[in-house]
Amino acid sequence: MSRFASFREFYPFYLSEHRNRTSRRLHFAGSCGALGFVAGAIFSGNAWWLLAALFCGYGFAWVGHFFFEKNRPATFRHPFYSFAGDWVMFKDILAGKIKF
């Protein structure tokens, strides 16, 4: 059972798990790469690129957690909220709300 009743409750926790600037940059790079692989899947018609998108996105993020944040990714406890958190943080970085 999740201790968060909503994503609105979860997101501040998610941000607290991403205080390290290098980790945020790795998340951002992984998300950019994942978007590129999704585009590749769409344009090529080859769904295998979607697997590459997952590996890219999570691979960069997990390196950030294990080596820079020194914490366990929220994906392991809250997979859906964490996935949404990645994209909201991505948007907030693009909008300048979170320091890159």
PDB file of N, CA and C in Angstrom:
ATOM      1  N   MET A   1       0.834  -1.186   0.000  1.00  0.00           N
ATOM      2  CA  MET A   1       0.000   0.000   0.000  1.00  0.00           C
ATOM      3  C   MET A   1       0.882   1.253   0.000  1.00  0.00           C
ATOM      4  N   SER A   2       0.542   2.186  -0.822  1.00  0.00           N
ATOM      5  CA  SER A   2       1.312   3.409  -0.932  1.00  0.00           C
ATOM      6  C   SER A   2       0.990   4.347   0.222  1.00  0.00           C
ATOM      7  N   ARG A   3       1.997   5.085   0.656  1.00  0.00           N
ATOM      8  CA  ARG A   3       1.746   6.065   1.711  1.00  0.00           C
ATOM      9  C   ARG A   3       1.310   7.399   1.125  1.00  0.00           C
ATOM     10  N   PHE A   4       1.187   7.470  -0.184  1.00  0.00           N
ATOM     11  CA  PHE A   4       0.773   8.689  -0.859  1.00  0.00           C
ATOM     12  C   PHE A   4      -0.624   8.486  -1.437  1.00  0.00           C
ATOM     13  N   ALA A   5      -1.521   9.395  -1.100  1.00  0.00           N
ATOM     14  CA  ALA A   5      -2.900   9.294  -1.575  1.00  0.00           C
ATOM     15  C   ALA A   5      -3.065   9.823  -2.991  1.00  0.00           C
ATOM     16  N   SER A   6      -2.081  10.609  -3.451  1.00  0.00           N
ATOM     17  CA  SER A   6      -2.182  11.199  -4.785  1.00  0.00           C
ATOM     18  C   SER A   6      -0.781  11.540  -5.294  1.00  0.00           C
ATOM     19  N   PHE A   7      -0.723  11.811  -6.580  1.00  0.00           N
ATOM     20  CA  PHE A   7       0.547  12.248  -7.154  1.00  0.00           C
ATOM     21  C   PHE A   7       0.956  13.597  -6.569  1.00  0.00           C
ATOM     22  N   ARG A   8      -0.013  14.440  -6.288  1.00  0.00           N
ATOM     23  CA  ARG A   8       0.266  15.750  -5.688  1.00  0.00           C
ATOM     24  C   ARG A   8       1.009  15.588  -4.360  1.00  0.00           C
ATOM     25  N   GLU A   9       0.668  14.572  -3.595  1.00  0.00           N
ATOM     26  CA  GLU A   9       1.377  14.283  -2.338  1.00  0.00           C
ATOM     27  C   GLU A   9       2.752  13.673  -2.609  1.00  0.00           C
ATOM     28  N   PHE A  10       2.857  12.885  -3.651  1.00  0.00           N
ATOM     29  CA  PHE A  10       4.094  12.169  -3.962  1.00  0.00           C
ATOM     30  C   PHE A  10       5.192  13.085  -4.517  1.00  0.00           C
ATOM     31  N   TYR A  11       4.827  14.059  -5.343  1.00  0.00           N
ATOM     32  CA  TYR A  11       5.828  14.834  -6.073  1.00  0.00           C
ATOM     33  C   TYR A  11       6.840  15.548  -5.172  1.00  0.00           C
ATOM     34  N   PRO A  12       6.446  16.169  -4.063  1.00  0.00           N
ATOM     35  CA  PRO A  12       7.482  16.756  -3.181  1.00  0.00           C
ATOM     36  C   PRO A  12       8.481  15.714  -2.669  1.00  0.00           C
ATOM     37  N   PHE A  13       7.990  14.510  -2.347  1.00  0.00           N
ATOM     38  CA  PHE A  13       8.895  13.427  -1.951  1.00  0.00           C
ATOM     39  C   PHE A  13       9.826  13.091  -3.108  1.00  0.00           C
ATOM     40  N   TYR A  14       9.274  12.983  -4.309  1.00  0.00           N
ATOM     41  CA  TYR A  14      10.061  12.668  -5.496  1.00  0.00           C
ATOM     42  C   TYR A  14      11.185  13.692  -5.677  1.00  0.00           C
ATOM     43  N   LEU A  15      10.860  14.970  -5.557  1.00  0.00           N
ATOM     44  CA  LEU A  15      11.877  16.015  -5.699  1.00  0.00           C
ATOM     45  C   LEU A  15      12.934  15.923  -4.603  1.00  0.00           C
ATOM     46  N   SER A  16      12.545  15.525  -3.410  1.00  0.00           N
ATOM     47  CA  SER A  16      13.517  15.390  -2.316  1.00  0.00           C
ATOM     48  C   SER A  16      14.510  14.269  -2.588  1.00  0.00           C
ATOM     49  N   GLU A  17      14.130  13.325  -3.429  1.00  0.00           N
ATOM     50  CA  GLU A  17      15.004  12.224  -3.811  1.00  0.00           C
ATOM     51  C   GLU A  17      15.918  12.602  -4.980  1.00  0.00           C
ATOM     52  N   HIS A  18      15.784  13.832  -5.467  1.00  0.00           N
ATOM     53  CA  HIS A  18      16.555  14.310  -6.625  1.00  0.00           C
ATOM     54  C   HIS A  18      17.209  15.654  -6.321  1.00  0.00           C
ATOM     55  N   ARG A  19      17.877  15.743  -5.210  1.00  0.00           N
ATOM     56  CA  ARG A  19      18.530  16.998  -4.817  1.00  0.00           C
ATOM     57  C   ARG A  19      19.848  17.222  -5.546  1.00  0.00           C
ATOM     58  N   ASN A  20      20.496  16.151  -5.942  1.00  0.00           N
ATOM     59  CA  ASN A  20      21.806  16.253  -6.578  1.00  0.00           C
ATOM     60  C   ASN A  20      21.659  16.711  -8.026  1.00  0.00           C
ATOM     61  N   ARG A  21      22.376  17.762  -8.364  1.00  0.00           N
ATOM     62  CA  ARG A  21      22.266  18.348  -9.703  1.00  0.00           C
ATOM     63  C   ARG A  21      22.693  17.381 -10.806  1.00  0.00           C
ATOM     64  N   THR A  22      23.752  16.628 -10.575  1.00  0.00           N
ATOM     65  CA  THR A  22      24.212  15.654 -11.577  1.00  0.00           C
ATOM     66  C   THR A  22      23.152  14.591 -11.802  1.00  0.00           C
ATOM     67  N   SER A  23      22.511  14.162 -10.737  1.00  0.00           N
ATOM     68  CA  SER A  23      21.444  13.169 -10.858  1.00  0.00           C
ATOM     69  C   SER A  23      20.294  13.715 -11.703  1.00  0.00           C
ATOM     70  N   ARG A  24      19.895  14.966 -11.446  1.00  0.00           N
ATOM     71  CA  ARG A  24      18.823  15.571 -12.248  1.00  0.00           C
ATOM     72  C   ARG A  24      19.230  15.668 -13.717  1.00  0.00           C
ATOM     73  N   ARG A  25      20.493  16.009 -13.947  1.00  0.00           N
ATOM     74  CA  ARG A  25      20.978  16.093 -15.327  1.00  0.00           C
ATOM     75  C   ARG A  25      20.954  14.724 -16.005  1.00  0.00           C
ATOM     76  N   LEU A  26      21.315  13.696 -15.271  1.00  0.00           N
ATOM     77  CA  LEU A  26      21.258  12.339 -15.830  1.00  0.00           C
ATOM     78  C   LEU A  26      19.813  11.935 -16.130  1.00  0.00           C
ATOM     79  N   HIS A  27      18.891  12.270 -15.235  1.00  0.00           N
ATOM     80  CA  HIS A  27      17.471  11.999 -15.495  1.00  0.00           C
ATOM     81  C   HIS A  27      17.023  12.712 -16.769  1.00  0.00           C
ATOM     82  N   PHE A  28      17.420  13.970 -16.898  1.00  0.00           N
ATOM     83  CA  PHE A  28      17.034  14.760 -18.061  1.00  0.00           C
ATOM     84  C   PHE A  28      17.604  14.152 -19.350  1.00  0.00           C
ATOM     85  N   ALA A  29      18.877  13.782 -19.308  1.00  0.00           N
ATOM     86  CA  ALA A  29      19.513  13.165 -20.482  1.00  0.00           C
ATOM     87  C   ALA A  29      18.831  11.849 -20.841  1.00  0.00           C
ATOM     88  N   GLY A  30      18.523  11.050 -19.835  1.00  0.00           N
ATOM     89  CA  GLY A  30      17.844   9.778 -20.085  1.00  0.00           C
ATOM     90  C   GLY A  30      16.468   9.984 -20.684  1.00  0.00           C
ATOM     91  N   SER A  31      15.762  10.999 -20.213  1.00  0.00           N
ATOM     92  CA  SER A  31      14.432  11.294 -20.764  1.00  0.00           C
ATOM     93  C   SER A  31      14.537  11.773 -22.206  1.00  0.00           C
ATOM     94  N   CYS A  32      15.528  12.614 -22.491  1.00  0.00           N
ATOM     95  CA  CYS A  32      15.739  13.061 -23.880  1.00  0.00           C
ATOM     96  C   CYS A  32      16.052  11.871 -24.788  1.00  0.00           C
ATOM     97  N   GLY A  33      16.939  11.009 -24.325  1.00  0.00           N
ATOM     98  CA  GLY A  33      17.265   9.814 -25.099  1.00  0.00           C
ATOM     99  C   GLY A  33      16.052   8.924 -25.313  1.00  0.00           C
ATOM    100  N   ALA A  34      15.257   8.767 -24.251  1.00  0.00           N
ATOM    101  CA  ALA A  34      14.048   7.937 -24.356  1.00  0.00           C
ATOM    102  C   ALA A  34      13.089   8.516 -25.392  1.00  0.00           C
ATOM    103  N   LEU A  35      12.931   9.834 -25.391  1.00  0.00           N
ATOM    104  CA  LEU A  35      12.071  10.463 -26.403  1.00  0.00           C
ATOM    105  C   LEU A  35      12.604  10.210 -27.807  1.00  0.00           C
ATOM    106  N   GLY A  36      13.923  10.253 -27.957  1.00  0.00           N
ATOM    107  CA  GLY A  36      14.523   9.961 -29.260  1.00  0.00           C
ATOM    108  C   GLY A  36      14.247   8.538 -29.713  1.00  0.00           C
ATOM    109  N   PHE A  37      14.353   7.599 -28.791  1.00  0.00           N
ATOM    110  CA  PHE A  37      14.079   6.197 -29.134  1.00  0.00           C
ATOM    111  C   PHE A  37      12.597   5.965 -29.440  1.00  0.00           C
ATOM    112  N   VAL A  38      11.717   6.654 -28.722  1.00  0.00           N
ATOM    113  CA  VAL A  38      10.283   6.544 -29.029  1.00  0.00           C
ATOM    114  C   VAL A  38      10.021   7.088 -30.435  1.00  0.00           C
ATOM    115  N   ALA A  39      10.656   8.206 -30.753  1.00  0.00           N
ATOM    116  CA  ALA A  39      10.519   8.757 -32.114  1.00  0.00           C
ATOM    117  C   ALA A  39      11.050   7.758 -33.136  1.00  0.00           C
ATOM    118  N   GLY A  40      12.168   7.118 -32.818  1.00  0.00           N
ATOM    119  CA  GLY A  40      12.718   6.095 -33.712  1.00  0.00           C
ATOM    120  C   GLY A  40      11.754   4.949 -33.926  1.00  0.00           C
ATOM    121  N   ALA A  41      11.072   4.542 -32.867  1.00  0.00           N
ATOM    122  CA  ALA A  41      10.085   3.458 -32.975  1.00  0.00           C
ATOM    123  C   ALA A  41       8.930   3.869 -33.874  1.00  0.00           C
ATOM    124  N   ILE A  42       8.497   5.117 -33.720  1.00  0.00           N
ATOM    125  CA  ILE A  42       7.371   5.601 -34.525  1.00  0.00           C
ATOM    126  C   ILE A  42       7.759   5.693 -35.993  1.00  0.00           C
ATOM    127  N   PHE A  43       8.902   6.299 -36.270  1.00  0.00           N
ATOM    128  CA  PHE A  43       9.300   6.520 -37.664  1.00  0.00           C
ATOM    129  C   PHE A  43       9.767   5.259 -38.376  1.00  0.00           C
ATOM    130  N   SER A  44      10.345   4.323 -37.617  1.00  0.00           N
ATOM    131  CA  SER A  44      10.824   3.093 -38.252  1.00  0.00           C
ATOM    132  C   SER A  44       9.776   1.993 -38.258  1.00  0.00           C
ATOM    133  N   GLY A  45       8.785   2.132 -37.370  1.00  0.00           N
ATOM    134  CA  GLY A  45       7.789   1.067 -37.240  1.00  0.00           C
ATOM    135  C   GLY A  45       8.333  -0.138 -36.502  1.00  0.00           C
ATOM    136  N   ASN A  46       9.482   0.013 -35.867  1.00  0.00           N
ATOM    137  CA  ASN A  46      10.132  -1.081 -35.152  1.00  0.00           C
ATOM    138  C   ASN A  46       9.959  -0.869 -33.646  1.00  0.00           C
ATOM    139  N   ALA A  47       9.126  -1.704 -33.033  1.00  0.00           N
ATOM    140  CA  ALA A  47       8.800  -1.559 -31.609  1.00  0.00           C
ATOM    141  C   ALA A  47       9.984  -1.862 -30.691  1.00  0.00           C
ATOM    142  N   TRP A  48      11.034  -2.478 -31.204  1.00  0.00           N
ATOM    143  CA  TRP A  48      12.207  -2.755 -30.367  1.00  0.00           C
ATOM    144  C   TRP A  48      12.846  -1.477 -29.838  1.00  0.00           C
ATOM    145  N   TRP A  49      12.663  -0.380 -30.550  1.00  0.00           N
ATOM    146  CA  TRP A  49      13.206   0.899 -30.076  1.00  0.00           C
ATOM    147  C   TRP A  49      12.561   1.323 -28.751  1.00  0.00           C
ATOM    148  N   LEU A  50      11.342   0.845 -28.486  1.00  0.00           N
ATOM    149  CA  LEU A  50      10.686   1.162 -27.215  1.00  0.00           C
ATOM    150  C   LEU A  50      11.428   0.530 -26.044  1.00  0.00           C
ATOM    151  N   LEU A  51      11.969  -0.653 -26.266  1.00  0.00           N
ATOM    152  CA  LEU A  51      12.787  -1.290 -25.234  1.00  0.00           C
ATOM    153  C   LEU A  51      14.048  -0.471 -24.981  1.00  0.00           C
ATOM    154  N   ALA A  52      14.639   0.032 -26.053  1.00  0.00           N
ATOM    155  CA  ALA A  52      15.815   0.895 -25.910  1.00  0.00           C
ATOM    156  C   ALA A  52      15.454   2.164 -25.144  1.00  0.00           C
ATOM    157  N   ALA A  53      14.245   2.692 -25.370  1.00  0.00           N
ATOM    158  CA  ALA A  53      13.792   3.887 -24.647  1.00  0.00           C
ATOM    159  C   ALA A  53      13.736   3.616 -23.146  1.00  0.00           C
ATOM    160  N   LEU A  54      13.211   2.465 -22.759  1.00  0.00           N
ATOM    161  CA  LEU A  54      13.154   2.114 -21.334  1.00  0.00           C
ATOM    162  C   LEU A  54      14.546   1.983 -20.729  1.00  0.00           C
ATOM    163  N   PHE A  55      15.420   1.279 -21.422  1.00  0.00           N
ATOM    164  CA  PHE A  55      16.788   1.109 -20.917  1.00  0.00           C
ATOM    165  C   PHE A  55      17.507   2.446 -20.799  1.00  0.00           C
ATOM    166  N   CYS A  56      17.315   3.305 -21.765  1.00  0.00           N
ATOM    167  CA  CYS A  56      17.969   4.611 -21.743  1.00  0.00           C
ATOM    168  C   CYS A  56      17.440   5.452 -20.577  1.00  0.00           C
ATOM    169  N   GLY A  57      16.149   5.590 -20.492  1.00  0.00           N
ATOM    170  CA  GLY A  57      15.558   6.415 -19.443  1.00  0.00           C
ATOM    171  C   GLY A  57      15.896   5.929 -18.044  1.00  0.00           C
ATOM    172  N   TYR A  58      15.654   4.652 -17.801  1.00  0.00           N
ATOM    173  CA  TYR A  58      15.925   4.119 -16.469  1.00  0.00           C
ATOM    174  C   TYR A  58      17.413   3.959 -16.204  1.00  0.00           C
ATOM    175  N   GLY A  59      18.189   3.630 -17.219  1.00  0.00           N
ATOM    176  CA  GLY A  59      19.628   3.467 -17.025  1.00  0.00           C
ATOM    177  C   GLY A  59      20.294   4.743 -16.547  1.00  0.00           C
ATOM    178  N   PHE A  60      20.023   5.841 -17.220  1.00  0.00           N
ATOM    179  CA  PHE A  60      20.596   7.124 -16.809  1.00  0.00           C
ATOM    180  C   PHE A  60      20.112   7.512 -15.413  1.00  0.00           C
ATOM    181  N   ALA A  61      18.817   7.331 -15.165  1.00  0.00           N
ATOM    182  CA  ALA A  61      18.246   7.710 -13.867  1.00  0.00           C
ATOM    183  C   ALA A  61      18.857   6.888 -12.734  1.00  0.00           C
ATOM    184  N   TRP A  62      18.998   5.601 -12.943  1.00  0.00           N
ATOM    185  CA  TRP A  62      19.508   4.743 -11.873  1.00  0.00           C
ATOM    186  C   TRP A  62      20.981   5.012 -11.597  1.00  0.00           C
ATOM    187  N   VAL A  63      21.745   5.362 -12.618  1.00  0.00           N
ATOM    188  CA  VAL A  63      23.135   5.766 -12.377  1.00  0.00           C
ATOM    189  C   VAL A  63      23.134   6.996 -11.472  1.00  0.00           C
ATOM    190  N   GLY A  64      22.243   7.931 -11.740  1.00  0.00           N
ATOM    191  CA  GLY A  64      22.137   9.117 -10.903  1.00  0.00           C
ATOM    192  C   GLY A  64      21.824   8.784  -9.455  1.00  0.00           C
ATOM    193  N   HIS A  65      20.928   7.836  -9.253  1.00  0.00           N
ATOM    194  CA  HIS A  65      20.558   7.464  -7.879  1.00  0.00           C
ATOM    195  C   HIS A  65      21.680   6.711  -7.174  1.00  0.00           C
ATOM    196  N   PHE A  66      22.210   5.704  -7.818  1.00  0.00           N
ATOM    197  CA  PHE A  66      23.190   4.842  -7.150  1.00  0.00           C
ATOM    198  C   PHE A  66      24.534   5.530  -6.913  1.00  0.00           C
ATOM    199  N   PHE A  67      24.957   6.392  -7.837  1.00  0.00           N
ATOM    200  CA  PHE A  67      26.291   6.977  -7.734  1.00  0.00           C
ATOM    201  C   PHE A  67      26.316   8.424  -7.238  1.00  0.00           C
ATOM    202  N   PHE A  68      25.231   9.156  -7.395  1.00  0.00           N
ATOM    203  CA  PHE A  68      25.237  10.568  -7.005  1.00  0.00           C
ATOM    204  C   PHE A  68      24.280  10.865  -5.855  1.00  0.00           C
ATOM    205  N   GLU A  69      23.065  10.399  -5.940  1.00  0.00           N
ATOM    206  CA  GLU A  69      22.114  10.602  -4.844  1.00  0.00           C
ATOM    207  C   GLU A  69      22.405   9.669  -3.674  1.00  0.00           C
ATOM    208  N   LYS A  70      22.950   8.508  -4.002  1.00  0.00           N
ATOM    209  CA  LYS A  70      23.218   7.454  -3.000  1.00  0.00           C
ATOM    210  C   LYS A  70      21.920   7.029  -2.308  1.00  0.00           C
ATOM    211  N   ASN A  71      20.859   6.879  -3.119  1.00  0.00           N
ATOM    212  CA  ASN A  71      19.585   6.407  -2.588  1.00  0.00           C
ATOM    213  C   ASN A  71      18.980   5.387  -3.552  1.00  0.00           C
ATOM    214  N   ARG A  72      17.930   4.789  -3.127  1.00  0.00           N
ATOM    215  CA  ARG A  72      17.246   3.779  -3.933  1.00  0.00           C
ATOM    216  C   ARG A  72      16.181   4.463  -4.779  1.00  0.00           C
ATOM    217  N   PRO A  73      16.139   4.203  -6.077  1.00  0.00           N
ATOM    218  CA  PRO A  73      15.150   4.862  -6.929  1.00  0.00           C
ATOM    219  C   PRO A  73      13.719   4.630  -6.446  1.00  0.00           C
ATOM    220  N   ALA A  74      12.916   5.669  -6.508  1.00  0.00           N
ATOM    221  CA  ALA A  74      11.508   5.566  -6.106  1.00  0.00           C
ATOM    222  C   ALA A  74      10.742   4.596  -6.999  1.00  0.00           C
ATOM    223  N   THR A  75      11.284   4.302  -8.169  1.00  0.00           N
ATOM    224  CA  THR A  75      10.659   3.356  -9.097  1.00  0.00           C
ATOM    225  C   THR A  75      10.387   2.010  -8.429  1.00  0.00           C
ATOM    226  N   PHE A  76      11.256   1.609  -7.524  1.00  0.00           N
ATOM    227  CA  PHE A  76      11.116   0.303  -6.884  1.00  0.00           C
ATOM    228  C   PHE A  76       9.929   0.247  -5.929  1.00  0.00           C
ATOM    229  N   ARG A  77       9.572   1.396  -5.347  1.00  0.00           N
ATOM    230  CA  ARG A  77       8.456   1.423  -4.393  1.00  0.00           C
ATOM    231  C   ARG A  77       7.189   2.005  -4.996  1.00  0.00           C
ATOM    232  N   HIS A  78       7.341   2.939  -5.907  1.00  0.00           N
ATOM    233  CA  HIS A  78       6.202   3.673  -6.486  1.00  0.00           C
ATOM    234  C   HIS A  78       6.395   3.800  -7.998  1.00  0.00           C
ATOM    235  N   PRO A  79       6.275   2.708  -8.740  1.00  0.00           N
ATOM    236  CA  PRO A  79       6.628   2.744 -10.166  1.00  0.00           C
ATOM    237  C   PRO A  79       5.815   3.728 -11.007  1.00  0.00           C
ATOM    238  N   PHE A  80       4.517   3.816 -10.780  1.00  0.00           N
ATOM    239  CA  PHE A  80       3.694   4.689 -11.627  1.00  0.00           C
ATOM    240  C   PHE A  80       3.883   6.160 -11.280  1.00  0.00           C
ATOM    241  N   TYR A  81       3.871   6.471  -9.998  1.00  0.00           N
ATOM    242  CA  TYR A  81       4.113   7.850  -9.581  1.00  0.00           C
ATOM    243  C   TYR A  81       5.518   8.292  -9.968  1.00  0.00           C
ATOM    244  N   SER A  82       6.477   7.408  -9.861  1.00  0.00           N
ATOM    245  CA  SER A  82       7.850   7.739 -10.204  1.00  0.00           C
ATOM    246  C   SER A  82       7.983   8.035 -11.700  1.00  0.00           C
ATOM    247  N   PHE A  83       7.345   7.225 -12.519  1.00  0.00           N
ATOM    248  CA  PHE A  83       7.373   7.450 -13.973  1.00  0.00           C
ATOM    249  C   PHE A  83       6.775   8.822 -14.290  1.00  0.00           C
ATOM    250  N   ALA A  84       5.634   9.120 -13.664  1.00  0.00           N
ATOM    251  CA  ALA A  84       5.006  10.431 -13.872  1.00  0.00           C
ATOM    252  C   ALA A  84       5.910  11.540 -13.344  1.00  0.00           C
ATOM    253  N   GLY A  85       6.553  11.304 -12.191  1.00  0.00           N
ATOM    254  CA  GLY A  85       7.448  12.288 -11.599  1.00  0.00           C
ATOM    255  C   GLY A  85       8.607  12.624 -12.516  1.00  0.00           C
ATOM    256  N   ASP A  86       9.138  11.622 -13.207  1.00  0.00           N
ATOM    257  CA  ASP A  86      10.235  11.863 -14.156  1.00  0.00           C
ATOM    258  C   ASP A  86       9.819  12.888 -15.207  1.00  0.00           C
ATOM    259  N   TRP A  87       8.608  12.736 -15.727  1.00  0.00           N
ATOM    260  CA  TRP A  87       8.172  13.619 -16.810  1.00  0.00           C
ATOM    261  C   TRP A  87       7.759  14.985 -16.296  1.00  0.00           C
ATOM    262  N   VAL A  88       7.207  15.060 -15.093  1.00  0.00           N
ATOM    263  CA  VAL A  88       6.884  16.369 -14.520  1.00  0.00           C
ATOM    264  C   VAL A  88       8.183  17.117 -14.204  1.00  0.00           C
ATOM    265  N   MET A  89       9.176  16.407 -13.654  1.00  0.00           N
ATOM    266  CA  MET A  89      10.460  17.044 -13.380  1.00  0.00           C
ATOM    267  C   MET A  89      11.112  17.493 -14.698  1.00  0.00           C
ATOM    268  N   PHE A  90      11.025  16.686 -15.732  1.00  0.00           N
ATOM    269  CA  PHE A  90      11.548  17.038 -17.058  1.00  0.00           C
ATOM    270  C   PHE A  90      10.918  18.350 -17.526  1.00  0.00           C
ATOM    271  N   LYS A  91       9.595  18.435 -17.410  1.00  0.00           N
ATOM    272  CA  LYS A  91       8.869  19.650 -17.799  1.00  0.00           C
ATOM    273  C   LYS A  91       9.294  20.833 -16.936  1.00  0.00           C
ATOM    274  N   ASP A  92       9.433  20.607 -15.628  1.00  0.00           N
ATOM    275  CA  ASP A  92       9.829  21.689 -14.723  1.00  0.00           C
ATOM    276  C   ASP A  92      11.251  22.175 -14.997  1.00  0.00           C
ATOM    277  N   ILE A  93      12.129  21.275 -15.404  1.00  0.00           N
ATOM    278  CA  ILE A  93      13.484  21.685 -15.787  1.00  0.00           C
ATOM    279  C   ILE A  93      13.420  22.537 -17.060  1.00  0.00           C
ATOM    280  N   LEU A  94      12.642  22.073 -18.047  1.00  0.00           N
ATOM    281  CA  LEU A  94      12.502  22.843 -19.278  1.00  0.00           C
ATOM    282  C   LEU A  94      11.911  24.227 -19.021  1.00  0.00           C
ATOM    283  N   ALA A  95      10.980  24.307 -18.078  1.00  0.00           N
ATOM    284  CA  ALA A  95      10.320  25.571 -17.764  1.00  0.00           C
ATOM    285  C   ALA A  95      11.153  26.474 -16.860  1.00  0.00           C
ATOM    286  N   GLY A  96      12.272  25.949 -16.366  1.00  0.00           N
ATOM    287  CA  GLY A  96      13.140  26.731 -15.490  1.00  0.00           C
ATOM    288  C   GLY A  96      12.711  26.749 -14.039  1.00  0.00           C
ATOM    289  N   LYS A  97      11.746  25.902 -13.669  1.00  0.00           N
ATOM    290  CA  LYS A  97      11.280  25.836 -12.277  1.00  0.00           C
ATOM    291  C   LYS A  97      12.253  25.064 -11.387  1.00  0.00           C
ATOM    292  N   ILE A  98      13.011  24.164 -12.018  1.00  0.00           N
ATOM    293  CA  ILE A  98      14.010  23.371 -11.299  1.00  0.00           C
ATOM    294  C   ILE A  98      15.343  23.647 -11.955  1.00  0.00           C
ATOM    295  N   LYS A  99      16.347  23.893 -11.125  1.00  0.00           N
ATOM    296  CA  LYS A  99      17.678  24.225 -11.647  1.00  0.00           C
ATOM    297  C   LYS A  99      18.294  23.025 -12.349  1.00  0.00           C
ATOM    298  N   PHE A 100      18.800  23.275 -13.549  1.00  0.00           N
ATOM    299  CA  PHE A 100      19.471  22.247 -14.334  1.00  0.00           C
ATOM    300  C   PHE A 100      20.923  22.318 -14.017  1.00  0.00           C
TER     301      PHE A 100
END
